[in-house]
């Protein structure tokens, strides 16, 4: 604890651990991500999952947004007070941007010290019609507070004001232009007042201005609970969620359910437009689109996107068990898409760990693209690996490995995340970290063609710096 306190003071955060920072934000000296582990396994893999978790988890999004008005991609991530691999970790909520005009990044700003090393508390980002940045700071359960902050000026990371101190988990804030916010999130034991025992219940709140919010309404709480991913298409917001069975809980997560709303959560429907009474609490229900439990498969949701006709496509992984290692394989990456009349699923590839996370892009010319760590890394069968780019020209029926973005890495690359309105020059952001022991963690991004991978500077001596090129390859598909 003494080491953590000393490092906190070095950042100018003495006395502020666990509290919000209002006004001007202190600048950190570089981009360093949080290392995190969950559930010891007492085998060679050491943990159920672990590694560089600055952009974790997929149930919290968006974490990056391109703003064409100022030609910047703003992003948030889980930073750390640690300076060396053997330092004690401590989670900092960080905000920064990539300037597409200059190709540079500023020193990242420290929004708050979350007073934990739990990467489940990582932040998410939204931007309103006037360009104000909104940061939603999650908590893993109810033991710590959560926060909503808004930037003092539009398109600025310099100063923020505290809007609300409360409690919520797994944050997914969506701003619909001209309408306001729909905030999807999880509340632990939130359904108890309704007699619903689900540990992790899915909820939604709406707000016109981000300051005054509706009461949280429960969407689902099936058996022990649910995890969700979501995305926005014009004024529609869609959620895809799993369920955690009574036997096994989140380590037995399975099935895929789908709902969407056209009116900031006032009404929810199936893909066919049929209204659904909420909250959903039963395993068989009208929202079910993929019955993995019937085949004894686990489901790990990865991403949700829409094709040019506004039809949803979900990226997910199936496996035979929650434990790490090859015995529970194959771990199949799959897509399931709505054709207008039915859901069709296809296999993309396989990888080594349930927590290998990538993102799905569906581009105007019909190209489907996945960026994810599908090649085994230096710590095989731990989360992440080497980043790979895959494309499909037939709506996911067949896939081509376009290129491997990283290779001969000393540590696994994890959690490639897709920005909202992603710009071709900043198409995915992720972090690296050792899969089996605490380590330093750095942040990376790539462009749409995958011909370059950049690392954000870990140490900066000036206010602005250019990211370092760590991989450079010929562009095989310009895509611009």
Protein backbone atom coordinates (compact mmCIF):
# COMPACT_ATOMS: atom_id res chain seq x y z
CA UNK A 1 0.00 0.00 0.00
CA UNK A 2 2.92 2.36 0.72
CA UNK A 3 4.22 1.84 -2.81
CA UNK A 4 0.77 2.58 -4.26
CA UNK A 5 0.48 5.77 -2.16
CA UNK A 6 3.92 6.99 -3.28
CA UNK A 7 3.12 6.43 -6.94
CA UNK A 8 -0.25 8.13 -6.53
CA UNK A 9 1.54 11.17 -5.13
CA UNK A 10 3.91 11.19 -8.09
CA UNK A 11 0.85 11.68 -10.28
CA UNK A 12 -0.33 14.58 -8.14
CA UNK A 13 -3.27 12.55 -6.83
CA UNK A 14 -2.37 12.51 -3.13
CA UNK A 15 -5.49 12.46 -1.00
CA UNK A 16 -7.72 11.79 -3.98
CA UNK A 17 -7.54 8.00 -4.14
CA UNK A 18 -11.03 6.65 -4.64
CA UNK A 19 -12.54 10.09 -5.24
CA UNK A 20 -13.37 12.01 -8.37
CA UNK A 21 -11.21 14.73 -9.79
CA UNK A 22 -13.06 17.91 -10.74
CA UNK A 23 -11.80 20.77 -12.86
CA UNK A 24 -8.48 20.58 -14.68
CA UNK A 25 -7.24 17.01 -15.07
CA UNK A 26 -3.60 16.12 -14.35
CA UNK A 27 -1.61 14.84 -17.30
CA UNK A 28 0.15 11.51 -17.00
CA UNK A 29 3.64 11.02 -18.44
CA UNK A 30 2.57 8.38 -20.96
CA UNK A 31 0.27 5.52 -21.95
CA UNK A 32 0.41 2.53 -19.60
CA UNK A 33 -2.39 0.01 -19.20
CA UNK A 34 -3.67 -1.96 -16.21
CA UNK A 35 -2.64 -5.60 -15.76
CA UNK A 36 -5.37 -7.75 -14.21
CA UNK A 37 -6.23 -11.37 -13.44
CA UNK A 38 -9.39 -13.22 -12.46
CA UNK A 39 -9.81 -16.59 -10.71
CA UNK A 40 -6.70 -18.63 -10.00
CA UNK A 41 -6.67 -22.06 -11.67
CA UNK A 42 -3.68 -23.73 -9.94
CA UNK A 43 -2.29 -25.04 -13.21
CA UNK A 44 0.24 -23.87 -15.78
CA UNK A 45 -2.13 -21.16 -17.06
CA UNK A 46 -2.45 -19.73 -13.52
CA UNK A 47 -5.69 -17.79 -14.09
CA UNK A 48 -9.04 -18.17 -15.82
CA UNK A 49 -8.04 -14.98 -17.60
CA UNK A 50 -5.33 -12.40 -17.16
CA UNK A 51 -3.12 -9.98 -19.04
CA UNK A 52 -3.15 -6.42 -20.31
CA UNK A 53 -6.71 -5.26 -19.66
CA UNK A 54 -6.67 -1.54 -20.52
CA UNK A 55 -9.42 -2.08 -23.12
CA UNK A 56 -11.32 -4.81 -21.23
CA UNK A 57 -14.14 -5.91 -21.06
CA UNK A 58 -16.30 -6.20 -24.18
CA UNK A 59 -19.40 -5.70 -22.03
CA UNK A 60 -18.33 -2.06 -21.64
CA UNK A 61 -18.58 0.10 -24.76
CA UNK A 62 -17.92 2.27 -26.58
CA UNK A 63 -14.43 3.16 -25.38
CA UNK A 64 -13.40 5.12 -28.50
CA UNK A 65 -15.30 7.50 -30.80
CA UNK A 66 -14.19 9.30 -33.95
CA UNK A 67 -15.37 12.92 -34.06
CA UNK A 68 -15.30 14.19 -37.67
CA UNK A 69 -15.99 17.75 -36.52
CA UNK A 70 -12.48 18.01 -35.06
CA UNK A 71 -10.82 15.05 -36.84
CA UNK A 72 -9.94 13.30 -33.59
CA UNK A 73 -10.58 9.85 -32.18
CA UNK A 74 -11.27 10.24 -28.48
CA UNK A 75 -10.73 7.22 -26.27
CA UNK A 76 -10.76 6.10 -22.64
CA UNK A 77 -8.92 3.18 -21.06
CA UNK A 78 -7.83 1.61 -17.82
CA UNK A 79 -4.45 3.03 -16.87
CA UNK A 80 -2.36 2.26 -13.84
CA UNK A 81 -0.30 3.89 -11.12
CA UNK A 82 2.31 1.14 -11.65
CA UNK A 83 5.54 2.18 -13.37
CA UNK A 84 7.30 -1.20 -13.51
CA UNK A 85 6.21 -4.79 -13.95
CA UNK A 86 6.69 -5.55 -10.24
CA UNK A 87 4.85 -2.45 -8.98
CA UNK A 88 1.49 -2.77 -7.29
CA UNK A 89 -1.33 -2.16 -9.74
CA UNK A 90 -3.93 0.55 -9.21
CA UNK A 91 -6.63 1.52 -11.73
CA UNK A 92 -6.67 5.04 -13.19
CA UNK A 93 -9.43 6.20 -15.52
CA UNK A 94 -7.68 7.78 -18.49
CA UNK A 95 -8.92 9.91 -21.38
CA UNK A 96 -7.07 11.03 -24.50
CA UNK A 97 -7.35 11.34 -28.29
CA UNK A 98 -5.52 10.72 -31.54
CA UNK A 99 -5.30 13.79 -33.76
CA UNK A 100 -5.78 12.67 -37.38
CA UNK A 101 -4.50 15.99 -38.73
CA UNK A 102 -1.14 15.82 -36.98
CA UNK A 103 -0.79 12.07 -36.35
CA UNK A 104 0.01 12.83 -32.71
CA UNK A 105 -1.40 12.13 -29.25
CA UNK A 106 -1.28 14.38 -26.17
CA UNK A 107 -0.21 13.27 -22.73
CA UNK A 108 -3.25 11.36 -21.46
CA UNK A 109 -5.36 12.90 -18.70
CA UNK A 110 -6.21 11.22 -15.39
CA UNK A 111 -9.92 11.50 -14.66
CA UNK A 112 -9.83 9.60 -11.37
CA UNK A 113 -8.09 6.96 -9.30
CA UNK A 114 -10.64 4.16 -8.81
CA UNK A 115 -8.84 2.84 -5.73
CA UNK A 116 -8.87 -0.76 -6.99
CA UNK A 117 -6.88 -2.96 -9.35
CA UNK A 118 -10.06 -4.48 -10.83
CA UNK A 119 -10.26 -3.80 -14.59
CA UNK A 120 -14.01 -4.44 -14.51
CA UNK A 121 -14.14 -0.82 -13.29
CA UNK A 122 -12.78 0.51 -16.60
CA UNK A 123 -14.49 3.57 -18.15
CA UNK A 124 -16.65 4.06 -21.25
CA UNK A 125 -17.25 7.11 -23.44
CA UNK A 126 -20.07 9.00 -25.15
CA UNK A 127 -20.20 12.32 -27.05
CA UNK A 128 -23.34 14.46 -27.26
CA UNK A 129 -24.68 16.72 -30.05
CA UNK A 130 -22.64 19.70 -28.85
CA UNK A 131 -19.37 17.80 -28.64
CA UNK A 132 -19.20 17.36 -24.86
CA UNK A 133 -17.43 14.19 -23.74
CA UNK A 134 -19.24 12.00 -21.21
CA UNK A 135 -17.29 9.39 -19.24
CA UNK A 136 -19.12 6.62 -17.38
CA UNK A 137 -16.96 5.04 -14.67
CA UNK A 138 -18.17 1.55 -13.78
CA UNK A 139 -17.85 -0.52 -10.63
CA UNK A 140 -17.61 -4.29 -10.38
CA UNK A 141 -20.51 -4.92 -8.02
CA UNK A 142 -21.78 -2.64 -5.27
CA UNK A 143 -18.74 -2.19 -3.02
CA UNK A 144 -17.42 0.88 -4.88
CA UNK A 145 -19.09 4.01 -6.28
CA UNK A 146 -19.60 4.71 -9.98
CA UNK A 147 -19.48 8.11 -11.65
CA UNK A 148 -20.69 10.12 -14.62
CA UNK A 149 -18.49 13.03 -15.73
CA UNK A 150 -18.90 15.59 -18.54
CA UNK A 151 -16.15 17.63 -20.15
CA UNK A 152 -16.23 21.33 -19.29
CA UNK A 153 -15.67 22.25 -22.94
CA UNK A 154 -16.73 20.53 -26.19
CA UNK A 155 -14.15 18.25 -27.82
CA UNK A 156 -11.79 18.73 -24.87
CA UNK A 157 -10.04 16.42 -22.40
CA UNK A 158 -8.61 19.24 -20.26
CA UNK A 159 -11.30 19.51 -17.56
CA UNK A 160 -14.39 17.58 -16.44
CA UNK A 161 -17.26 18.14 -14.03
CA UNK A 162 -18.89 15.49 -11.88
CA UNK A 163 -22.52 14.90 -12.91
CA UNK A 164 -23.44 11.96 -10.71
CA UNK A 165 -21.97 9.63 -8.09
CA UNK A 166 -23.96 6.38 -7.88
CA UNK A 167 -23.48 2.68 -8.62
CA UNK A 168 -23.67 0.67 -11.85
CA UNK A 169 -21.64 -1.98 -13.67
CA UNK A 170 -20.82 -3.00 -17.28
CA UNK A 171 -21.58 0.37 -18.82
CA UNK A 172 -22.87 0.89 -22.37
CA UNK A 173 -23.84 4.56 -22.90
CA UNK A 174 -25.38 5.39 -26.28
CA UNK A 175 -26.15 8.89 -27.50
CA UNK A 176 -28.73 9.15 -30.29
CA UNK A 177 -28.31 12.45 -32.19
CA UNK A 178 -31.17 14.83 -31.56
CA UNK A 179 -32.77 12.58 -28.94
CA UNK A 180 -30.49 11.96 -25.98
CA UNK A 181 -28.92 9.05 -24.13
CA UNK A 182 -29.84 5.43 -23.56
CA UNK A 183 -27.61 3.99 -20.87
CA UNK A 184 -27.49 0.19 -20.84
CA UNK A 185 -25.82 -1.27 -17.77
CA UNK A 186 -25.86 -3.99 -15.13
CA UNK A 187 -27.12 -3.74 -11.56
CA UNK A 188 -26.05 -6.40 -9.11
CA UNK A 189 -29.12 -7.83 -7.38
CA UNK A 190 -31.08 -5.01 -8.98
CA UNK A 191 -34.18 -7.13 -9.45
CA UNK A 192 -34.60 -8.13 -5.81
CA UNK A 193 -37.38 -5.59 -5.26
CA UNK A 194 -39.32 -7.38 -8.02
CA UNK A 195 -38.57 -10.82 -6.62
CA UNK A 196 -35.96 -11.57 -9.30
CA UNK A 197 -32.89 -13.32 -7.91
CA UNK A 198 -30.50 -12.80 -10.85
CA UNK A 199 -27.14 -11.60 -9.55
CA UNK A 200 -26.43 -9.60 -12.72
CA UNK A 201 -29.55 -7.91 -14.08
CA UNK A 202 -29.58 -5.89 -17.31
CA UNK A 203 -31.03 -2.38 -16.94
CA UNK A 204 -31.54 0.79 -18.99
CA UNK A 205 -31.93 4.47 -18.16
CA UNK A 206 -32.59 7.34 -20.55
CA UNK A 207 -31.87 11.05 -20.44
CA UNK A 208 -32.41 14.01 -22.72
CA UNK A 209 -29.47 16.02 -21.35
CA UNK A 210 -27.31 13.54 -19.40
CA UNK A 211 -28.05 15.28 -16.12
CA UNK A 212 -31.56 14.09 -15.33
CA UNK A 213 -32.10 10.36 -15.78
CA UNK A 214 -35.14 8.12 -15.78
CA UNK A 215 -35.48 5.44 -13.17
CA UNK A 216 -33.58 2.27 -14.18
CA UNK A 217 -35.83 -0.23 -15.93
CA UNK A 218 -34.95 -3.91 -15.93
CA UNK A 219 -34.51 -5.60 -19.33
CA UNK A 220 -33.48 -9.11 -18.31
CA UNK A 221 -32.46 -11.29 -15.39
CA UNK A 222 -32.48 -14.94 -16.48
CA UNK A 223 -31.61 -17.47 -13.74
CA UNK A 224 -28.31 -16.15 -12.28
CA UNK A 225 -28.14 -13.23 -14.71
CA UNK A 226 -26.83 -12.07 -18.06
CA UNK A 227 -24.01 -10.30 -19.92
CA UNK A 228 -24.76 -8.10 -22.93
CA UNK A 229 -23.12 -6.35 -25.85
CA UNK A 230 -24.83 -3.62 -27.85
CA UNK A 231 -24.49 -1.17 -30.74
CA UNK A 232 -26.36 1.71 -32.35
CA UNK A 233 -27.70 1.91 -35.91
CA UNK A 234 -29.19 5.35 -36.57
CA UNK A 235 -31.89 5.70 -33.88
CA UNK A 236 -32.05 1.95 -33.12
CA UNK A 237 -30.08 0.48 -30.25
CA UNK A 238 -29.74 -3.28 -30.14
CA UNK A 239 -28.58 -5.59 -27.38
CA UNK A 240 -27.44 -9.21 -27.61
CA UNK A 241 -27.20 -11.04 -24.30
CA UNK A 242 -26.51 -14.47 -22.84
CA UNK A 243 -27.75 -16.10 -19.66
CA UNK A 244 -26.03 -17.62 -16.65
CA UNK A 245 -27.69 -20.89 -15.61
CA UNK A 246 -28.50 -21.70 -12.01
CA UNK A 247 -25.96 -24.51 -12.20
CA UNK A 248 -22.58 -23.02 -13.06
CA UNK A 249 -23.52 -19.34 -13.20
CA UNK A 250 -21.31 -17.09 -15.33
CA UNK A 251 -18.83 -19.93 -15.88
CA UNK A 252 -21.65 -21.76 -17.69
CA UNK A 253 -22.82 -18.75 -19.77
CA UNK A 254 -24.74 -19.82 -22.84
CA UNK A 255 -27.34 -18.90 -25.50
CA UNK A 256 -27.83 -15.62 -27.39
CA UNK A 257 -30.88 -13.38 -27.05
CA UNK A 258 -31.59 -10.28 -29.14
CA UNK A 259 -33.72 -7.19 -28.54
CA UNK A 260 -33.79 -3.68 -30.02
CA UNK A 261 -35.39 -0.34 -29.25
CA UNK A 262 -36.18 2.57 -31.60
CA UNK A 263 -37.17 5.04 -28.85
CA UNK A 264 -34.47 5.14 -26.15
CA UNK A 265 -35.86 2.13 -24.33
CA UNK A 266 -39.53 3.11 -24.13
CA UNK A 267 -40.32 -0.09 -26.05
CA UNK A 268 -38.30 -3.20 -26.86
CA UNK A 269 -38.96 -5.68 -29.66
CA UNK A 270 -37.58 -8.83 -31.21
CA UNK A 271 -35.93 -8.63 -34.63
CA UNK A 272 -39.37 -9.25 -36.18
CA UNK A 273 -40.82 -6.22 -34.42
CA UNK A 274 -42.82 -8.14 -31.84
CA UNK A 275 -43.11 -6.47 -28.45
CA UNK A 276 -41.66 -8.32 -25.50
CA UNK A 277 -42.84 -7.97 -21.87
CA UNK A 278 -39.95 -6.96 -19.63
CA UNK A 279 -38.05 -8.04 -17.71
CA UNK A 280 -37.17 -11.32 -19.42
CA UNK A 281 -36.60 -13.95 -16.75
CA UNK A 282 -37.24 -17.30 -18.45
CA UNK A 283 -34.70 -19.25 -20.52
CA UNK A 284 -37.05 -20.01 -23.42
CA UNK A 285 -38.44 -16.67 -24.55
CA UNK A 286 -39.18 -14.78 -27.81
CA UNK A 287 -35.76 -13.06 -27.79
CA UNK A 288 -33.81 -16.35 -28.08
CA UNK A 289 -31.91 -16.54 -31.39
CA UNK A 290 -29.14 -19.10 -30.69
CA UNK A 291 -29.71 -22.11 -28.44
CA UNK A 292 -26.20 -23.13 -27.43
CA UNK A 293 -27.34 -24.85 -24.25
CA UNK A 294 -29.00 -27.59 -26.29
CA UNK A 295 -25.58 -28.51 -27.65
CA UNK A 296 -23.84 -28.11 -24.29
CA UNK A 297 -21.81 -25.13 -25.53
CA UNK A 298 -20.70 -22.01 -23.70
CA UNK A 299 -21.10 -18.64 -25.44
CA UNK A 300 -18.76 -15.65 -25.13
CA UNK A 301 -20.23 -12.60 -26.85
CA UNK A 302 -17.73 -10.41 -28.72
CA UNK A 303 -19.35 -7.74 -30.91
CA UNK A 304 -22.57 -6.55 -32.53
CA UNK A 305 -22.79 -4.63 -35.80
CA UNK A 306 -25.22 -3.89 -38.66
CA UNK A 307 -24.99 -4.44 -42.41
CA UNK A 308 -25.89 -1.85 -45.05
CA UNK A 309 -29.57 -2.78 -44.75
CA UNK A 310 -29.57 -2.32 -41.00
CA UNK A 311 -29.65 -6.02 -40.24
CA UNK A 312 -27.75 -7.14 -37.12
CA UNK A 313 -24.70 -9.40 -37.12
CA UNK A 314 -23.25 -10.80 -33.90
CA UNK A 315 -19.69 -12.05 -33.38
CA UNK A 316 -19.25 -14.64 -30.64
CA UNK A 317 -17.14 -17.59 -29.51
CA UNK A 318 -18.26 -21.04 -28.40
CA UNK A 319 -16.33 -23.51 -26.26
CA UNK A 320 -16.72 -26.65 -24.18
CA UNK A 321 -15.75 -25.21 -20.79
CA UNK A 322 -14.66 -22.13 -18.88
CA UNK A 323 -11.21 -23.45 -17.92
CA UNK A 324 -8.17 -22.32 -19.95
CA UNK A 325 -6.17 -24.83 -21.98
CA UNK A 326 -6.65 -26.86 -25.16
CA UNK A 327 -8.78 -29.54 -23.47
CA UNK A 328 -11.89 -27.34 -23.57
CA UNK A 329 -11.56 -26.57 -27.28
CA UNK A 330 -12.28 -26.11 -30.00
CA UNK A 331 -12.98 -22.45 -29.32
CA UNK A 332 -14.83 -21.39 -32.43
CA UNK A 333 -15.29 -17.80 -33.53
CA UNK A 334 -18.69 -17.53 -35.18
CA UNK A 335 -21.03 -14.95 -36.66
CA UNK A 336 -24.81 -15.08 -36.66
CA UNK A 337 -26.68 -12.71 -38.97
CA UNK A 338 -30.30 -11.80 -39.62
CA UNK A 339 -31.19 -12.26 -43.29
CA UNK A 340 -34.58 -10.56 -43.06
CA UNK A 341 -36.35 -13.87 -42.47
CA UNK A 342 -34.00 -16.05 -40.38
CA UNK A 343 -30.79 -16.15 -38.36
CA UNK A 344 -27.83 -17.88 -40.04
CA UNK A 345 -24.55 -18.70 -38.26
CA UNK A 346 -21.12 -19.51 -39.70
CA UNK A 347 -17.70 -20.41 -38.32
CA UNK A 348 -14.85 -17.92 -38.80
CA UNK A 349 -11.82 -19.60 -37.20
CA UNK A 350 -10.58 -20.95 -33.86
CA UNK A 351 -8.30 -19.61 -31.14
CA UNK A 352 -6.86 -20.60 -27.78
CA UNK A 353 -8.85 -18.92 -25.00
CA UNK A 354 -12.45 -17.97 -24.24
CA UNK A 355 -11.36 -14.40 -23.54
CA UNK A 356 -9.70 -13.86 -26.92
CA UNK A 357 -11.61 -10.76 -27.95
CA UNK A 358 -11.91 -9.10 -31.35
CA UNK A 359 -14.19 -6.70 -33.18
CA UNK A 360 -16.43 -7.01 -36.24
CA UNK A 361 -16.48 -4.34 -38.94
CA UNK A 362 -19.05 -4.20 -41.74
CA UNK A 363 -17.97 -1.73 -44.39
CA UNK A 364 -19.87 0.20 -47.09
CA UNK A 365 -18.51 -1.95 -49.93
CA UNK A 366 -19.86 -5.12 -48.25
CA UNK A 367 -16.57 -6.25 -46.74
CA UNK A 368 -16.83 -7.88 -43.33
CA UNK A 369 -13.64 -7.52 -41.29
CA UNK A 370 -12.52 -8.99 -37.95
CA UNK A 371 -9.51 -7.82 -35.97
CA UNK A 372 -8.68 -10.15 -33.09
CA UNK A 373 -5.96 -12.26 -31.42
CA UNK A 374 -6.71 -15.54 -33.19
CA UNK A 375 -3.09 -16.77 -33.37
CA UNK A 376 -1.57 -18.33 -30.27
CA UNK A 377 0.82 -15.94 -28.55
CA UNK A 378 3.93 -16.31 -26.40
CA UNK A 379 1.72 -17.42 -23.49
CA UNK A 380 -0.43 -19.92 -25.41
CA UNK A 381 -3.97 -20.63 -24.21
CA UNK A 382 -3.96 -17.57 -22.00
CA UNK A 383 -6.11 -14.65 -23.20
CA UNK A 384 -4.98 -12.94 -26.37
CA UNK A 385 -2.12 -13.81 -28.66
CA UNK A 386 -1.00 -12.36 -31.96
CA UNK A 387 -3.43 -9.95 -33.64
CA UNK A 388 -4.83 -11.04 -37.00
CA UNK A 389 -7.05 -9.40 -39.62
CA UNK A 390 -9.71 -11.53 -41.34
CA UNK A 391 -12.11 -10.53 -44.13
CA UNK A 392 -15.21 -11.99 -45.74
CA UNK A 393 -16.86 -10.99 -49.01
CA UNK A 394 -19.89 -13.26 -48.72
CA UNK A 395 -21.54 -12.14 -45.47
CA UNK A 396 -19.52 -14.42 -43.27
CA UNK A 397 -19.88 -17.70 -45.16
CA UNK A 398 -16.13 -17.90 -45.80
CA UNK A 399 -13.21 -15.97 -44.32
CA UNK A 400 -9.69 -15.12 -45.45
CA UNK A 401 -6.77 -14.41 -43.15
CA UNK A 402 -5.61 -11.16 -44.74
CA UNK A 403 -2.55 -10.62 -42.56
CA UNK A 404 -1.07 -11.14 -39.14
CA UNK A 405 -0.71 -7.73 -37.53
CA UNK A 406 1.74 -8.69 -34.78
CA UNK A 407 4.34 -11.43 -34.55
CA UNK A 408 7.21 -12.56 -32.31
CA UNK A 409 5.64 -10.59 -29.48
CA UNK A 410 7.03 -11.00 -25.94
CA UNK A 411 3.52 -10.77 -24.47
CA UNK A 412 -0.04 -11.53 -25.56
CA UNK A 413 -2.07 -8.84 -27.32
CA UNK A 414 -5.61 -8.61 -25.92
CA UNK A 415 -9.05 -7.06 -26.44
CA UNK A 416 -9.02 -5.37 -29.86
CA UNK A 417 -11.83 -2.80 -29.67
CA UNK A 418 -13.75 -1.00 -32.44
CA UNK A 419 -14.32 2.76 -32.18
CA UNK A 420 -17.75 4.16 -32.87
CA UNK A 421 -17.66 5.79 -36.36
CA UNK A 422 -14.19 4.26 -36.74
CA UNK A 423 -11.79 6.27 -38.91
CA UNK A 424 -9.67 4.18 -41.34
CA UNK A 425 -6.46 5.43 -39.69
CA UNK A 426 -7.49 4.42 -36.14
CA UNK A 427 -9.52 1.27 -36.66
CA UNK A 428 -8.84 -0.82 -33.55
CA UNK A 429 -7.21 -0.18 -30.18
CA UNK A 430 -5.85 -2.81 -27.78
CA UNK A 431 -3.22 -3.56 -25.14
CA UNK A 432 -0.62 -6.22 -24.45
CA UNK A 433 0.47 -7.95 -21.27
CA UNK A 434 1.95 -11.17 -19.95
CA UNK A 435 -0.64 -13.93 -19.80
CA UNK A 436 0.62 -15.61 -16.63
CA UNK A 437 2.26 -13.03 -14.39
CA UNK A 438 2.02 -9.31 -13.63
CA UNK A 439 3.71 -7.20 -16.26
CA UNK A 440 3.89 -3.82 -17.88
CA UNK A 441 1.19 -3.19 -20.49
CA UNK A 442 1.30 -0.95 -23.54
CA UNK A 443 -1.45 0.30 -25.86
CA UNK A 444 -1.59 -0.17 -29.64
CA UNK A 445 -3.75 0.73 -32.62
CA UNK A 446 -3.93 -0.20 -36.28
CA UNK A 447 -5.47 1.17 -39.45
CA UNK A 448 -8.11 -0.41 -41.66
CA UNK A 449 -5.64 -1.90 -44.13
CA UNK A 450 -3.57 -3.42 -41.35
CA UNK A 451 -0.36 -2.27 -43.00
CA UNK A 452 0.77 -0.47 -39.83
CA UNK A 453 0.55 -1.10 -36.09
CA UNK A 454 1.45 1.76 -33.76
CA UNK A 455 2.29 1.74 -30.05
CA UNK A 456 1.25 4.70 -27.94
CA UNK A 457 4.23 6.25 -26.12
CA UNK A 458 4.71 4.86 -22.59
CA UNK A 459 6.93 7.78 -21.58
CA UNK A 460 6.51 11.31 -22.97
CA UNK A 461 8.85 14.24 -22.37
CA UNK A 462 6.68 16.67 -24.34
CA UNK A 463 2.97 17.49 -24.39
CA UNK A 464 2.46 15.81 -27.79
CA UNK A 465 4.17 12.84 -29.44
CA UNK A 466 3.82 10.60 -32.45
CA UNK A 467 2.99 6.95 -31.77
CA UNK A 468 5.78 4.53 -32.58
CA UNK A 469 5.46 2.23 -35.61
CA UNK A 470 6.03 -1.33 -34.39
CA UNK A 471 4.81 -3.20 -37.48
CA UNK A 472 4.80 -2.20 -41.13
CA UNK A 473 3.48 -4.36 -43.95
CA UNK A 474 2.37 -3.89 -47.53
CA UNK A 475 -1.30 -2.99 -47.90
CA UNK A 476 -3.02 -5.87 -49.68
CA UNK A 477 -6.50 -4.31 -49.53
CA UNK A 478 -6.37 -0.50 -49.50
CA UNK A 479 -10.03 -0.18 -48.52
CA UNK A 480 -10.03 3.60 -48.74
